């Protein structure tokens, strides 16, 4: 999965909810294992970019714990 497609997917999915979502929820549902790893990495970078731009918040309660995202509400 390219960074551009991950950024588009994460942005559009964040736009429909105000709740926290786990990073894994942004992955394509029926992807093969190799694609899932690529999609997870691209989604992580997309989440960091959205947080940098002030469009998303990222939370992780413990080391190696699940990463969660939510849209920033102004």
N, C-alpha and C. Protein backbone atom coordinates (compact mmCIF):
# COMPACT_ATOMS: atom_id res chain seq x y z
N UNK A 1 0.85 -1.17 0.00
CA UNK A 1 0.00 0.00 0.00
C UNK A 1 0.90 1.24 0.00
N UNK A 2 0.62 2.15 -0.89
CA UNK A 2 1.42 3.37 -0.95
C UNK A 2 1.04 4.31 0.18
N UNK A 3 1.96 5.20 0.48
CA UNK A 3 1.68 6.20 1.52
C UNK A 3 0.50 7.07 1.13
N UNK A 4 0.41 7.43 -0.14
CA UNK A 4 -0.69 8.28 -0.59
C UNK A 4 -2.04 7.59 -0.39
N UNK A 5 -2.12 6.31 -0.74
CA UNK A 5 -3.39 5.61 -0.57
C UNK A 5 -3.70 5.40 0.90
N UNK A 6 -2.68 5.16 1.73
CA UNK A 6 -2.92 5.02 3.17
C UNK A 6 -3.38 6.34 3.77
N UNK A 7 -2.76 7.43 3.35
CA UNK A 7 -3.16 8.74 3.86
C UNK A 7 -4.60 9.05 3.50
N UNK A 8 -4.99 8.72 2.29
CA UNK A 8 -6.37 8.94 1.85
C UNK A 8 -7.34 8.06 2.64
N UNK A 9 -6.98 6.78 2.83
CA UNK A 9 -7.85 5.85 3.55
C UNK A 9 -8.01 6.27 5.02
N UNK A 10 -6.91 6.58 5.69
CA UNK A 10 -6.96 6.97 7.11
C UNK A 10 -7.73 8.28 7.25
N UNK A 11 -7.47 9.25 6.38
CA UNK A 11 -8.18 10.53 6.46
C UNK A 11 -9.69 10.36 6.28
N UNK A 12 -10.08 9.57 5.30
CA UNK A 12 -11.51 9.40 5.05
C UNK A 12 -12.19 8.63 6.17
N UNK A 13 -11.51 7.63 6.73
CA UNK A 13 -12.12 6.87 7.83
C UNK A 13 -12.19 7.69 9.10
N UNK A 14 -11.21 8.55 9.34
CA UNK A 14 -11.27 9.42 10.51
C UNK A 14 -12.38 10.45 10.39
N UNK A 15 -12.72 10.80 9.17
CA UNK A 15 -13.75 11.81 8.95
C UNK A 15 -15.15 11.37 9.32
N UNK A 16 -15.37 10.07 9.50
CA UNK A 16 -16.72 9.58 9.76
C UNK A 16 -16.98 9.25 11.23
N UNK A 17 -15.97 9.37 12.08
CA UNK A 17 -16.18 9.05 13.49
C UNK A 17 -15.40 10.01 14.38
N UNK A 18 -15.88 10.21 15.58
CA UNK A 18 -15.18 11.01 16.58
C UNK A 18 -14.50 10.12 17.62
N UNK A 19 -14.81 8.82 17.58
CA UNK A 19 -14.26 7.88 18.56
C UNK A 19 -12.84 7.49 18.21
N UNK A 20 -12.15 6.99 19.22
CA UNK A 20 -10.82 6.44 19.00
C UNK A 20 -10.94 5.16 18.18
N UNK A 21 -10.03 4.99 17.24
CA UNK A 21 -9.98 3.79 16.40
C UNK A 21 -8.58 3.21 16.49
N UNK A 22 -8.48 1.89 16.59
CA UNK A 22 -7.16 1.25 16.58
C UNK A 22 -6.57 1.32 15.18
N UNK A 23 -5.26 1.44 15.12
CA UNK A 23 -4.58 1.55 13.83
C UNK A 23 -4.95 0.39 12.91
N UNK A 24 -5.11 -0.80 13.44
CA UNK A 24 -5.44 -1.97 12.64
C UNK A 24 -6.79 -1.85 11.94
N UNK A 25 -7.69 -1.02 12.47
CA UNK A 25 -9.00 -0.84 11.87
C UNK A 25 -8.94 -0.12 10.53
N UNK A 26 -7.82 0.50 10.21
CA UNK A 26 -7.66 1.22 8.95
C UNK A 26 -7.15 0.33 7.83
N UNK A 27 -6.83 -0.92 8.14
CA UNK A 27 -6.29 -1.83 7.14
C UNK A 27 -7.40 -2.40 6.26
N UNK A 28 -7.08 -2.74 5.02
CA UNK A 28 -8.07 -3.40 4.15
C UNK A 28 -8.49 -4.73 4.81
N UNK A 29 -9.76 -5.03 4.86
CA UNK A 29 -10.25 -6.17 5.64
C UNK A 29 -9.82 -7.55 5.14
N UNK A 30 -9.63 -7.73 3.86
CA UNK A 30 -9.34 -9.07 3.34
C UNK A 30 -7.99 -9.14 2.65
N UNK A 31 -7.02 -8.42 3.18
CA UNK A 31 -5.70 -8.40 2.55
C UNK A 31 -4.88 -9.61 2.96
N UNK A 32 -4.04 -10.05 2.05
CA UNK A 32 -3.13 -11.15 2.36
C UNK A 32 -2.08 -10.66 3.36
N UNK A 33 -1.42 -11.56 4.07
CA UNK A 33 -0.48 -11.15 5.14
C UNK A 33 0.61 -10.17 4.70
N UNK A 34 1.20 -10.37 3.53
CA UNK A 34 2.24 -9.43 3.07
C UNK A 34 1.67 -8.04 2.86
N UNK A 35 0.48 -7.95 2.29
CA UNK A 35 -0.16 -6.65 2.08
C UNK A 35 -0.54 -6.02 3.42
N UNK A 36 -0.96 -6.80 4.38
CA UNK A 36 -1.32 -6.26 5.69
C UNK A 36 -0.12 -5.59 6.36
N UNK A 37 1.05 -6.21 6.26
CA UNK A 37 2.25 -5.60 6.86
C UNK A 37 2.57 -4.27 6.19
N UNK A 38 2.49 -4.24 4.88
CA UNK A 38 2.74 -3.02 4.13
C UNK A 38 1.69 -1.96 4.47
N UNK A 39 0.44 -2.39 4.53
CA UNK A 39 -0.65 -1.46 4.85
C UNK A 39 -0.51 -0.92 6.26
N UNK A 40 -0.08 -1.75 7.21
CA UNK A 40 0.10 -1.30 8.59
C UNK A 40 1.22 -0.25 8.66
N UNK A 41 2.32 -0.51 7.98
CA UNK A 41 3.43 0.45 7.97
C UNK A 41 3.01 1.77 7.32
N UNK A 42 2.32 1.69 6.20
CA UNK A 42 1.86 2.90 5.51
C UNK A 42 0.83 3.65 6.34
N UNK A 43 -0.05 2.92 7.00
CA UNK A 43 -1.07 3.56 7.85
C UNK A 43 -0.43 4.24 9.05
N UNK A 44 0.62 3.64 9.60
CA UNK A 44 1.34 4.25 10.71
C UNK A 44 1.96 5.58 10.28
N UNK A 45 2.62 5.59 9.14
CA UNK A 45 3.23 6.83 8.64
C UNK A 45 2.15 7.86 8.32
N UNK A 46 1.03 7.42 7.76
CA UNK A 46 -0.09 8.33 7.47
C UNK A 46 -0.63 8.93 8.76
N UNK A 47 -0.75 8.12 9.81
CA UNK A 47 -1.23 8.62 11.10
C UNK A 47 -0.28 9.66 11.67
N UNK A 48 1.02 9.41 11.57
CA UNK A 48 2.00 10.39 12.04
C UNK A 48 1.90 11.70 11.25
N UNK A 49 1.71 11.59 9.95
CA UNK A 49 1.58 12.79 9.12
C UNK A 49 0.32 13.58 9.47
N UNK A 50 -0.80 12.89 9.68
CA UNK A 50 -2.03 13.57 10.06
C UNK A 50 -1.89 14.25 11.43
N UNK A 51 -1.19 13.60 12.35
CA UNK A 51 -0.95 14.21 13.66
C UNK A 51 -0.06 15.44 13.52
N UNK A 52 0.96 15.34 12.67
CA UNK A 52 1.85 16.47 12.44
C UNK A 52 1.09 17.67 11.87
N UNK A 53 0.11 17.38 11.01
CA UNK A 53 -0.68 18.45 10.38
C UNK A 53 -1.79 18.95 11.30
N UNK A 54 -1.96 18.34 12.48
CA UNK A 54 -2.97 18.78 13.43
C UNK A 54 -4.37 18.26 13.12
N UNK A 55 -4.48 17.23 12.29
CA UNK A 55 -5.78 16.69 11.91
C UNK A 55 -6.18 15.45 12.69
N UNK A 56 -5.23 14.86 13.43
CA UNK A 56 -5.51 13.65 14.19
C UNK A 56 -4.72 13.65 15.49
N UNK A 57 -5.23 12.92 16.46
CA UNK A 57 -4.52 12.67 17.71
C UNK A 57 -4.15 11.20 17.75
N UNK A 58 -3.00 10.92 18.33
CA UNK A 58 -2.53 9.55 18.47
C UNK A 58 -2.36 9.27 19.96
N UNK A 59 -2.78 8.08 20.38
CA UNK A 59 -2.60 7.67 21.78
C UNK A 59 -2.12 6.22 21.81
N UNK A 60 -1.27 5.95 22.79
CA UNK A 60 -0.79 4.60 23.04
C UNK A 60 -0.56 4.52 24.55
N UNK A 61 -1.31 3.69 25.22
CA UNK A 61 -1.29 3.66 26.68
C UNK A 61 -0.09 2.95 27.28
N UNK A 62 0.50 2.03 26.54
CA UNK A 62 1.64 1.29 27.06
C UNK A 62 2.60 0.95 25.92
N UNK A 63 3.84 0.68 26.27
CA UNK A 63 4.83 0.31 25.27
C UNK A 63 4.37 -0.95 24.55
N UNK A 64 4.42 -0.94 23.24
CA UNK A 64 3.98 -2.04 22.38
C UNK A 64 2.48 -2.30 22.47
N UNK A 65 1.74 -1.39 23.11
CA UNK A 65 0.29 -1.52 23.18
C UNK A 65 -0.34 -1.03 21.88
N UNK A 66 -1.63 -1.21 21.76
CA UNK A 66 -2.31 -0.77 20.54
C UNK A 66 -2.25 0.75 20.37
N UNK A 67 -2.04 1.17 19.15
CA UNK A 67 -2.05 2.59 18.84
C UNK A 67 -3.46 2.96 18.42
N UNK A 68 -3.94 4.09 18.95
CA UNK A 68 -5.29 4.54 18.63
C UNK A 68 -5.22 5.94 18.02
N UNK A 69 -6.18 6.21 17.13
CA UNK A 69 -6.26 7.51 16.46
C UNK A 69 -7.67 8.07 16.59
N UNK A 70 -7.76 9.36 16.55
CA UNK A 70 -9.07 10.02 16.42
C UNK A 70 -8.86 11.36 15.75
N UNK A 71 -9.93 11.81 15.15
CA UNK A 71 -9.92 13.09 14.46
C UNK A 71 -9.88 14.22 15.48
N UNK A 72 -9.15 15.27 15.18
CA UNK A 72 -9.12 16.45 16.02
C UNK A 72 -10.36 17.27 15.73
N UNK A 73 -11.08 17.63 16.77
CA UNK A 73 -12.26 18.48 16.59
C UNK A 73 -11.91 19.88 17.04
N UNK A 74 -12.24 20.84 16.21
CA UNK A 74 -11.87 22.23 16.50
C UNK A 74 -12.90 22.93 17.33
